[in-house]
Amino acid sequence: MDSARPRAAHDVAGLLRIDAAIGPVLAYSAVPFALARLSAVLGMRDEAARFYEKALEMNSRIGMRQALARTRVAYAEFLME
């Protein structure tokens, strides 16, 4: 798989410092959650861990309980890989 496009998306999102993805009705999760998953796929484990930690903090701070639970599960699965 050519990783140039996902890596470019990862770099752009990191540069923009976007904090939350908001859909038409509700927020899904902190953007660092998506960046953590993308970093993990790209093999950037240290960066993925930092993004997971940031997503945990943000979701907790803004009271997004479902997103917090989703992030905890994804982070745990990532750590077990």
PDB file of N, CA and C in Angstrom:
ATOM      1  N   MET A   1       0.843  -1.189   0.000  1.00  0.00           N
ATOM      2  CA  MET A   1       0.000   0.000   0.000  1.00  0.00           C
ATOM      3  C   MET A   1       0.884   1.246   0.000  1.00  0.00           C
ATOM      4  N   ASP A   2       0.541   2.189  -0.840  1.00  0.00           N
ATOM      5  CA  ASP A   2       1.261   3.451  -0.903  1.00  0.00           C
ATOM      6  C   ASP A   2       0.830   4.303   0.283  1.00  0.00           C
ATOM      7  N   SER A   3       1.769   4.644   1.144  1.00  0.00           N
ATOM      8  CA  SER A   3       1.421   5.397   2.355  1.00  0.00           C
ATOM      9  C   SER A   3       1.581   6.905   2.180  1.00  0.00           C
ATOM     10  N   ALA A   4       1.829   7.370   0.971  1.00  0.00           N
ATOM     11  CA  ALA A   4       2.041   8.808   0.767  1.00  0.00           C
ATOM     12  C   ALA A   4       0.794   9.621   1.092  1.00  0.00           C
ATOM     13  N   ARG A   5      -0.379   9.175   0.651  1.00  0.00           N
ATOM     14  CA  ARG A   5      -1.597   9.936   0.914  1.00  0.00           C
ATOM     15  C   ARG A   5      -1.965   9.951   2.389  1.00  0.00           C
ATOM     16  N   PRO A   6      -2.005   8.786   3.064  1.00  0.00           N
ATOM     17  CA  PRO A   6      -2.316   8.843   4.502  1.00  0.00           C
ATOM     18  C   PRO A   6      -1.294   9.676   5.274  1.00  0.00           C
ATOM     19  N   ARG A   7      -0.021   9.567   4.919  1.00  0.00           N
ATOM     20  CA  ARG A   7       1.013  10.332   5.615  1.00  0.00           C
ATOM     21  C   ARG A   7       0.809  11.825   5.387  1.00  0.00           C
ATOM     22  N   ALA A   8       0.429  12.217   4.169  1.00  0.00           N
ATOM     23  CA  ALA A   8       0.176  13.633   3.879  1.00  0.00           C
ATOM     24  C   ALA A   8      -1.021  14.130   4.683  1.00  0.00           C
ATOM     25  N   ALA A   9      -2.079  13.324   4.771  1.00  0.00           N
ATOM     26  CA  ALA A   9      -3.248  13.711   5.566  1.00  0.00           C
ATOM     27  C   ALA A   9      -2.857  13.856   7.030  1.00  0.00           C
ATOM     28  N   HIS A  10      -2.042  12.956   7.518  1.00  0.00           N
ATOM     29  CA  HIS A  10      -1.555  12.997   8.897  1.00  0.00           C
ATOM     30  C   HIS A  10      -0.789  14.287   9.147  1.00  0.00           C
ATOM     31  N   ASP A  11       0.116  14.634   8.227  1.00  0.00           N
ATOM     32  CA  ASP A  11       0.935  15.838   8.381  1.00  0.00           C
ATOM     33  C   ASP A  11       0.079  17.107   8.356  1.00  0.00           C
ATOM     34  N   VAL A  12      -0.872  17.179   7.437  1.00  0.00           N
ATOM     35  CA  VAL A  12      -1.725  18.361   7.333  1.00  0.00           C
ATOM     36  C   VAL A  12      -2.576  18.520   8.588  1.00  0.00           C
ATOM     37  N   ALA A  13      -3.195  17.444   9.042  1.00  0.00           N
ATOM     38  CA  ALA A  13      -4.041  17.518  10.236  1.00  0.00           C
ATOM     39  C   ALA A  13      -3.224  17.950  11.453  1.00  0.00           C
ATOM     40  N   GLY A  14      -2.007  17.440  11.570  1.00  0.00           N
ATOM     41  CA  GLY A  14      -1.154  17.836  12.682  1.00  0.00           C
ATOM     42  C   GLY A  14      -0.780  19.303  12.621  1.00  0.00           C
ATOM     43  N   LEU A  15      -0.538  19.815  11.429  1.00  0.00           N
ATOM     44  CA  LEU A  15      -0.178  21.220  11.268  1.00  0.00           C
ATOM     45  C   LEU A  15      -1.348  22.146  11.590  1.00  0.00           C
ATOM     46  N   LEU A  16      -2.566  21.705  11.264  1.00  0.00           N
ATOM     47  CA  LEU A  16      -3.735  22.550  11.493  1.00  0.00           C
ATOM     48  C   LEU A  16      -4.125  22.637  12.964  1.00  0.00           C
ATOM     49  N   ARG A  17      -3.660  21.689  13.772  1.00  0.00           N
ATOM     50  CA  ARG A  17      -3.967  21.666  15.204  1.00  0.00           C
ATOM     51  C   ARG A  17      -5.482  21.647  15.455  1.00  0.00           C
ATOM     52  N   ILE A  18      -6.193  20.855  14.663  1.00  0.00           N
ATOM     53  CA  ILE A  18      -7.638  20.715  14.823  1.00  0.00           C
ATOM     54  C   ILE A  18      -7.893  19.871  16.060  1.00  0.00           C
ATOM     55  N   ASP A  19      -8.842  20.275  16.893  1.00  0.00           N
ATOM     56  CA  ASP A  19      -9.079  19.573  18.141  1.00  0.00           C
ATOM     57  C   ASP A  19     -10.277  18.635  18.154  1.00  0.00           C
ATOM     58  N   ALA A  20     -11.321  18.907  17.397  1.00  0.00           N
ATOM     59  CA  ALA A  20     -12.494  18.040  17.444  1.00  0.00           C
ATOM     60  C   ALA A  20     -13.151  17.954  16.077  1.00  0.00           C
ATOM     61  N   ALA A  21     -13.646  16.758  15.774  1.00  0.00           N
ATOM     62  CA  ALA A  21     -14.378  16.553  14.530  1.00  0.00           C
ATOM     63  C   ALA A  21     -15.862  16.666  14.853  1.00  0.00           C
ATOM     64  N   ILE A  22     -16.522  17.593  14.212  1.00  0.00           N
ATOM     65  CA  ILE A  22     -17.931  17.821  14.506  1.00  0.00           C
ATOM     66  C   ILE A  22     -18.747  17.543  13.256  1.00  0.00           C
ATOM     67  N   GLY A  23     -19.708  16.628  13.404  1.00  0.00           N
ATOM     68  CA  GLY A  23     -20.591  16.283  12.305  1.00  0.00           C
ATOM     69  C   GLY A  23     -21.790  17.206  12.298  1.00  0.00           C
ATOM     70  N   PRO A  24     -22.763  16.904  11.444  1.00  0.00           N
ATOM     71  CA  PRO A  24     -23.939  17.766  11.339  1.00  0.00           C
ATOM     72  C   PRO A  24     -24.732  17.871  12.634  1.00  0.00           C
ATOM     73  N   VAL A  25     -24.686  16.843  13.465  1.00  0.00           N
ATOM     74  CA  VAL A  25     -25.514  16.849  14.668  1.00  0.00           C
ATOM     75  C   VAL A  25     -24.686  16.818  15.941  1.00  0.00           C
ATOM     76  N   LEU A  26     -23.625  16.020  15.965  1.00  0.00           N
ATOM     77  CA  LEU A  26     -22.857  15.881  17.200  1.00  0.00           C
ATOM     78  C   LEU A  26     -21.388  15.625  16.909  1.00  0.00           C
ATOM     79  N   ALA A  27     -20.585  15.792  17.916  1.00  0.00           N
ATOM     80  CA  ALA A  27     -19.155  15.538  17.784  1.00  0.00           C
ATOM     81  C   ALA A  27     -18.898  14.045  17.944  1.00  0.00           C
ATOM     82  N   TYR A  28     -18.032  13.495  17.107  1.00  0.00           N
ATOM     83  CA  TYR A  28     -17.716  12.071  17.143  1.00  0.00           C
ATOM     84  C   TYR A  28     -16.579  11.790  18.121  1.00  0.00           C
ATOM     85  N   SER A  29     -15.525  12.562  18.047  1.00  0.00           N
ATOM     86  CA  SER A  29     -14.357  12.312  18.886  1.00  0.00           C
ATOM     87  C   SER A  29     -13.364  13.446  18.704  1.00  0.00           C
ATOM     88  N   ALA A  30     -12.385  13.470  19.577  1.00  0.00           N
ATOM     89  CA  ALA A  30     -11.290  14.423  19.423  1.00  0.00           C
ATOM     90  C   ALA A  30     -10.470  14.008  18.201  1.00  0.00           C
ATOM     91  N   VAL A  31     -10.032  14.972  17.423  1.00  0.00           N
ATOM     92  CA  VAL A  31      -9.239  14.689  16.226  1.00  0.00           C
ATOM     93  C   VAL A  31      -7.973  13.890  16.563  1.00  0.00           C
ATOM     94  N   PRO A  32      -7.329  14.125  17.715  1.00  0.00           N
ATOM     95  CA  PRO A  32      -6.159  13.296  18.024  1.00  0.00           C
ATOM     96  C   PRO A  32      -6.450  11.794  18.020  1.00  0.00           C
ATOM     97  N   PHE A  33      -7.701  11.392  18.249  1.00  0.00           N
ATOM     98  CA  PHE A  33      -8.065   9.978  18.174  1.00  0.00           C
ATOM     99  C   PHE A  33      -7.837   9.464  16.755  1.00  0.00           C
ATOM    100  N   ALA A  34      -8.324  10.196  15.769  1.00  0.00           N
ATOM    101  CA  ALA A  34      -8.127   9.793  14.375  1.00  0.00           C
ATOM    102  C   ALA A  34      -6.650   9.821  14.004  1.00  0.00           C
ATOM    103  N   LEU A  35      -5.940  10.828  14.487  1.00  0.00           N
ATOM    104  CA  LEU A  35      -4.501  10.915  14.196  1.00  0.00           C
ATOM    105  C   LEU A  35      -3.733   9.780  14.870  1.00  0.00           C
ATOM    106  N   ALA A  36      -4.182   9.358  16.042  1.00  0.00           N
ATOM    107  CA  ALA A  36      -3.543   8.222  16.718  1.00  0.00           C
ATOM    108  C   ALA A  36      -3.706   6.961  15.888  1.00  0.00           C
ATOM    109  N   ARG A  37      -4.907   6.726  15.406  1.00  0.00           N
ATOM    110  CA  ARG A  37      -5.159   5.530  14.601  1.00  0.00           C
ATOM    111  C   ARG A  37      -4.368   5.573  13.297  1.00  0.00           C
ATOM    112  N   LEU A  38      -4.324   6.729  12.666  1.00  0.00           N
ATOM    113  CA  LEU A  38      -3.560   6.879  11.427  1.00  0.00           C
ATOM    114  C   LEU A  38      -2.069   6.684  11.690  1.00  0.00           C
ATOM    115  N   SER A  39      -1.564   7.260  12.766  1.00  0.00           N
ATOM    116  CA  SER A  39      -0.151   7.090  13.120  1.00  0.00           C
ATOM    117  C   SER A  39       0.185   5.630  13.359  1.00  0.00           C
ATOM    118  N   ALA A  40      -0.714   4.920  14.024  1.00  0.00           N
ATOM    119  CA  ALA A  40      -0.492   3.501  14.287  1.00  0.00           C
ATOM    120  C   ALA A  40      -0.417   2.706  12.983  1.00  0.00           C
ATOM    121  N   VAL A  41      -1.319   2.992  12.054  1.00  0.00           N
ATOM    122  CA  VAL A  41      -1.321   2.302  10.761  1.00  0.00           C
ATOM    123  C   VAL A  41      -0.029   2.580  10.004  1.00  0.00           C
ATOM    124  N   LEU A  42       0.478   3.785  10.140  1.00  0.00           N
ATOM    125  CA  LEU A  42       1.712   4.170   9.444  1.00  0.00           C
ATOM    126  C   LEU A  42       2.965   3.690  10.174  1.00  0.00           C
ATOM    127  N   GLY A  43       2.784   3.001  11.310  1.00  0.00           N
ATOM    128  CA  GLY A  43       3.923   2.479  12.055  1.00  0.00           C
ATOM    129  C   GLY A  43       4.627   3.497  12.927  1.00  0.00           C
ATOM    130  N   MET A  44       3.975   4.619  13.180  1.00  0.00           N
ATOM    131  CA  MET A  44       4.563   5.691  13.989  1.00  0.00           C
ATOM    132  C   MET A  44       4.063   5.525  15.424  1.00  0.00           C
ATOM    133  N   ARG A  45       4.553   4.509  16.122  1.00  0.00           N
ATOM    134  CA  ARG A  45       4.010   4.102  17.414  1.00  0.00           C
ATOM    135  C   ARG A  45       4.172   5.159  18.501  1.00  0.00           C
ATOM    136  N   ASP A  46       5.304   5.817  18.580  1.00  0.00           N
ATOM    137  CA  ASP A  46       5.494   6.846  19.614  1.00  0.00           C
ATOM    138  C   ASP A  46       4.517   7.996  19.421  1.00  0.00           C
ATOM    139  N   GLU A  47       4.379   8.414  18.178  1.00  0.00           N
ATOM    140  CA  GLU A  47       3.450   9.509  17.883  1.00  0.00           C
ATOM    141  C   GLU A  47       2.008   9.073  18.134  1.00  0.00           C
ATOM    142  N   ALA A  48       1.682   7.837  17.775  1.00  0.00           N
ATOM    143  CA  ALA A  48       0.331   7.320  18.016  1.00  0.00           C
ATOM    144  C   ALA A  48       0.018   7.352  19.506  1.00  0.00           C
ATOM    145  N   ALA A  49       0.958   6.930  20.332  1.00  0.00           N
ATOM    146  CA  ALA A  49       0.743   6.925  21.787  1.00  0.00           C
ATOM    147  C   ALA A  49       0.501   8.346  22.296  1.00  0.00           C
ATOM    148  N   ARG A  50       1.260   9.311  21.791  1.00  0.00           N
ATOM    149  CA  ARG A  50       1.056  10.703  22.213  1.00  0.00           C
ATOM    150  C   ARG A  50      -0.337  11.198  21.811  1.00  0.00           C
ATOM    151  N   PHE A  51      -0.769  10.862  20.594  1.00  0.00           N
ATOM    152  CA  PHE A  51      -2.101  11.270  20.153  1.00  0.00           C
ATOM    153  C   PHE A  51      -3.199  10.589  20.980  1.00  0.00           C
ATOM    154  N   TYR A  52      -3.024   9.308  21.304  1.00  0.00           N
ATOM    155  CA  TYR A  52      -4.014   8.632  22.145  1.00  0.00           C
ATOM    156  C   TYR A  52      -4.117   9.322  23.508  1.00  0.00           C
ATOM    157  N   GLU A  53      -2.978   9.659  24.086  1.00  0.00           N
ATOM    158  CA  GLU A  53      -2.985  10.343  25.379  1.00  0.00           C
ATOM    159  C   GLU A  53      -3.704  11.692  25.291  1.00  0.00           C
ATOM    160  N   LYS A  54      -3.437  12.423  24.209  1.00  0.00           N
ATOM    161  CA  LYS A  54      -4.098  13.725  24.035  1.00  0.00           C
ATOM    162  C   LYS A  54      -5.603  13.539  23.845  1.00  0.00           C
ATOM    163  N   ALA A  55      -5.989  12.534  23.076  1.00  0.00           N
ATOM    164  CA  ALA A  55      -7.416  12.267  22.863  1.00  0.00           C
ATOM    165  C   ALA A  55      -8.099  11.892  24.176  1.00  0.00           C
ATOM    166  N   LEU A  56      -7.445  11.089  24.995  1.00  0.00           N
ATOM    167  CA  LEU A  56      -8.007  10.733  26.304  1.00  0.00           C
ATOM    168  C   LEU A  56      -8.229  11.977  27.149  1.00  0.00           C
ATOM    169  N   GLU A  57      -7.240  12.845  27.186  1.00  0.00           N
ATOM    170  CA  GLU A  57      -7.347  14.070  27.989  1.00  0.00           C
ATOM    171  C   GLU A  57      -8.461  14.969  27.471  1.00  0.00           C
ATOM    172  N   MET A  58      -8.506  15.158  26.156  1.00  0.00           N
ATOM    173  CA  MET A  58      -9.513  16.046  25.573  1.00  0.00           C
ATOM    174  C   MET A  58     -10.923  15.507  25.764  1.00  0.00           C
ATOM    175  N   ASN A  59     -11.122  14.216  25.472  1.00  0.00           N
ATOM    176  CA  ASN A  59     -12.454  13.641  25.616  1.00  0.00           C
ATOM    177  C   ASN A  59     -12.928  13.696  27.064  1.00  0.00           C
ATOM    178  N   SER A  60     -12.013  13.507  27.992  1.00  0.00           N
ATOM    179  CA  SER A  60     -12.351  13.593  29.410  1.00  0.00           C
ATOM    180  C   SER A  60     -12.709  15.028  29.791  1.00  0.00           C
ATOM    181  N   ARG A  61     -11.898  15.961  29.331  1.00  0.00           N
ATOM    182  CA  ARG A  61     -12.096  17.371  29.683  1.00  0.00           C
ATOM    183  C   ARG A  61     -13.424  17.921  29.174  1.00  0.00           C
ATOM    184  N   ILE A  62     -13.823  17.521  27.967  1.00  0.00           N
ATOM    185  CA  ILE A  62     -15.053  18.069  27.403  1.00  0.00           C
ATOM    186  C   ILE A  62     -16.272  17.178  27.661  1.00  0.00           C
ATOM    187  N   GLY A  63     -16.081  16.108  28.426  1.00  0.00           N
ATOM    188  CA  GLY A  63     -17.199  15.279  28.847  1.00  0.00           C
ATOM    189  C   GLY A  63     -17.777  14.362  27.787  1.00  0.00           C
ATOM    190  N   MET A  64     -16.971  13.963  26.825  1.00  0.00           N
ATOM    191  CA  MET A  64     -17.444  13.056  25.779  1.00  0.00           C
ATOM    192  C   MET A  64     -17.214  11.615  26.240  1.00  0.00           C
ATOM    193  N   ARG A  65     -18.138  11.103  27.045  1.00  0.00           N
ATOM    194  CA  ARG A  65     -17.961   9.789  27.665  1.00  0.00           C
ATOM    195  C   ARG A  65     -17.867   8.646  26.659  1.00  0.00           C
ATOM    196  N   GLN A  66     -18.710   8.670  25.622  1.00  0.00           N
ATOM    197  CA  GLN A  66     -18.652   7.599  24.630  1.00  0.00           C
ATOM    198  C   GLN A  66     -17.323   7.630  23.871  1.00  0.00           C
ATOM    199  N   ALA A  67     -16.889   8.819  23.509  1.00  0.00           N
ATOM    200  CA  ALA A  67     -15.609   8.957  22.806  1.00  0.00           C
ATOM    201  C   ALA A  67     -14.455   8.564  23.725  1.00  0.00           C
ATOM    202  N   LEU A  68     -14.572   8.883  24.990  1.00  0.00           N
ATOM    203  CA  LEU A  68     -13.533   8.497  25.956  1.00  0.00           C
ATOM    204  C   LEU A  68     -13.435   6.977  26.045  1.00  0.00           C
ATOM    205  N   ALA A  69     -14.582   6.310  26.129  1.00  0.00           N
ATOM    206  CA  ALA A  69     -14.585   4.840  26.190  1.00  0.00           C
ATOM    207  C   ALA A  69     -14.002   4.248  24.905  1.00  0.00           C
ATOM    208  N   ARG A  70     -14.402   4.791  23.760  1.00  0.00           N
ATOM    209  CA  ARG A  70     -13.902   4.308  22.465  1.00  0.00           C
ATOM    210  C   ARG A  70     -12.382   4.488  22.389  1.00  0.00           C
ATOM    211  N   THR A  71     -11.893   5.613  22.878  1.00  0.00           N
ATOM    212  CA  THR A  71     -10.457   5.887  22.847  1.00  0.00           C
ATOM    213  C   THR A  71      -9.708   4.940  23.777  1.00  0.00           C
ATOM    214  N   ARG A  72     -10.265   4.689  24.955  1.00  0.00           N
ATOM    215  CA  ARG A  72      -9.616   3.756  25.898  1.00  0.00           C
ATOM    216  C   ARG A  72      -9.481   2.365  25.289  1.00  0.00           C
ATOM    217  N   VAL A  73     -10.542   1.893  24.649  1.00  0.00           N
ATOM    218  CA  VAL A  73     -10.510   0.567  24.031  1.00  0.00           C
ATOM    219  C   VAL A  73      -9.486   0.530  22.901  1.00  0.00           C
ATOM    220  N   ALA A  74      -9.511   1.516  22.024  1.00  0.00           N
ATOM    221  CA  ALA A  74      -8.566   1.549  20.900  1.00  0.00           C
ATOM    222  C   ALA A  74      -7.127   1.646  21.390  1.00  0.00           C
ATOM    223  N   TYR A  75      -6.898   2.444  22.422  1.00  0.00           N
ATOM    224  CA  TYR A  75      -5.541   2.595  22.968  1.00  0.00           C
ATOM    225  C   TYR A  75      -5.069   1.280  23.592  1.00  0.00           C
ATOM    226  N   ALA A  76      -5.955   0.615  24.304  1.00  0.00           N
ATOM    227  CA  ALA A  76      -5.597  -0.672  24.900  1.00  0.00           C
ATOM    228  C   ALA A  76      -5.257  -1.697  23.821  1.00  0.00           C
ATOM    229  N   GLU A  77      -6.046  -1.749  22.766  1.00  0.00           N
ATOM    230  CA  GLU A  77      -5.761  -2.670  21.663  1.00  0.00           C
ATOM    231  C   GLU A  77      -4.433  -2.328  21.009  1.00  0.00           C
ATOM    232  N   PHE A  78      -4.172  -1.035  20.855  1.00  0.00           N
ATOM    233  CA  PHE A  78      -2.897  -0.584  20.276  1.00  0.00           C
ATOM    234  C   PHE A  78      -1.722  -1.038  21.146  1.00  0.00           C
ATOM    235  N   LEU A  79      -1.853  -0.888  22.445  1.00  0.00           N
ATOM    236  CA  LEU A  79      -0.763  -1.255  23.361  1.00  0.00           C
ATOM    237  C   LEU A  79      -0.507  -2.762  23.372  1.00  0.00           C
ATOM    238  N   MET A  80      -1.531  -3.555  23.071  1.00  0.00           N
ATOM    239  CA  MET A  80      -1.373  -5.012  23.078  1.00  0.00           C
ATOM    240  C   MET A  80      -0.789  -5.548  21.772  1.00  0.00           C
ATOM    241  N   GLU A  81      -0.666  -4.712  20.759  1.00  0.00           N
ATOM    242  CA  GLU A  81      -0.115  -5.160  19.471  1.00  0.00           C
ATOM    243  C   GLU A  81       1.368  -5.456  19.589  1.00  0.00           C
TER     244      GLU A  81
END
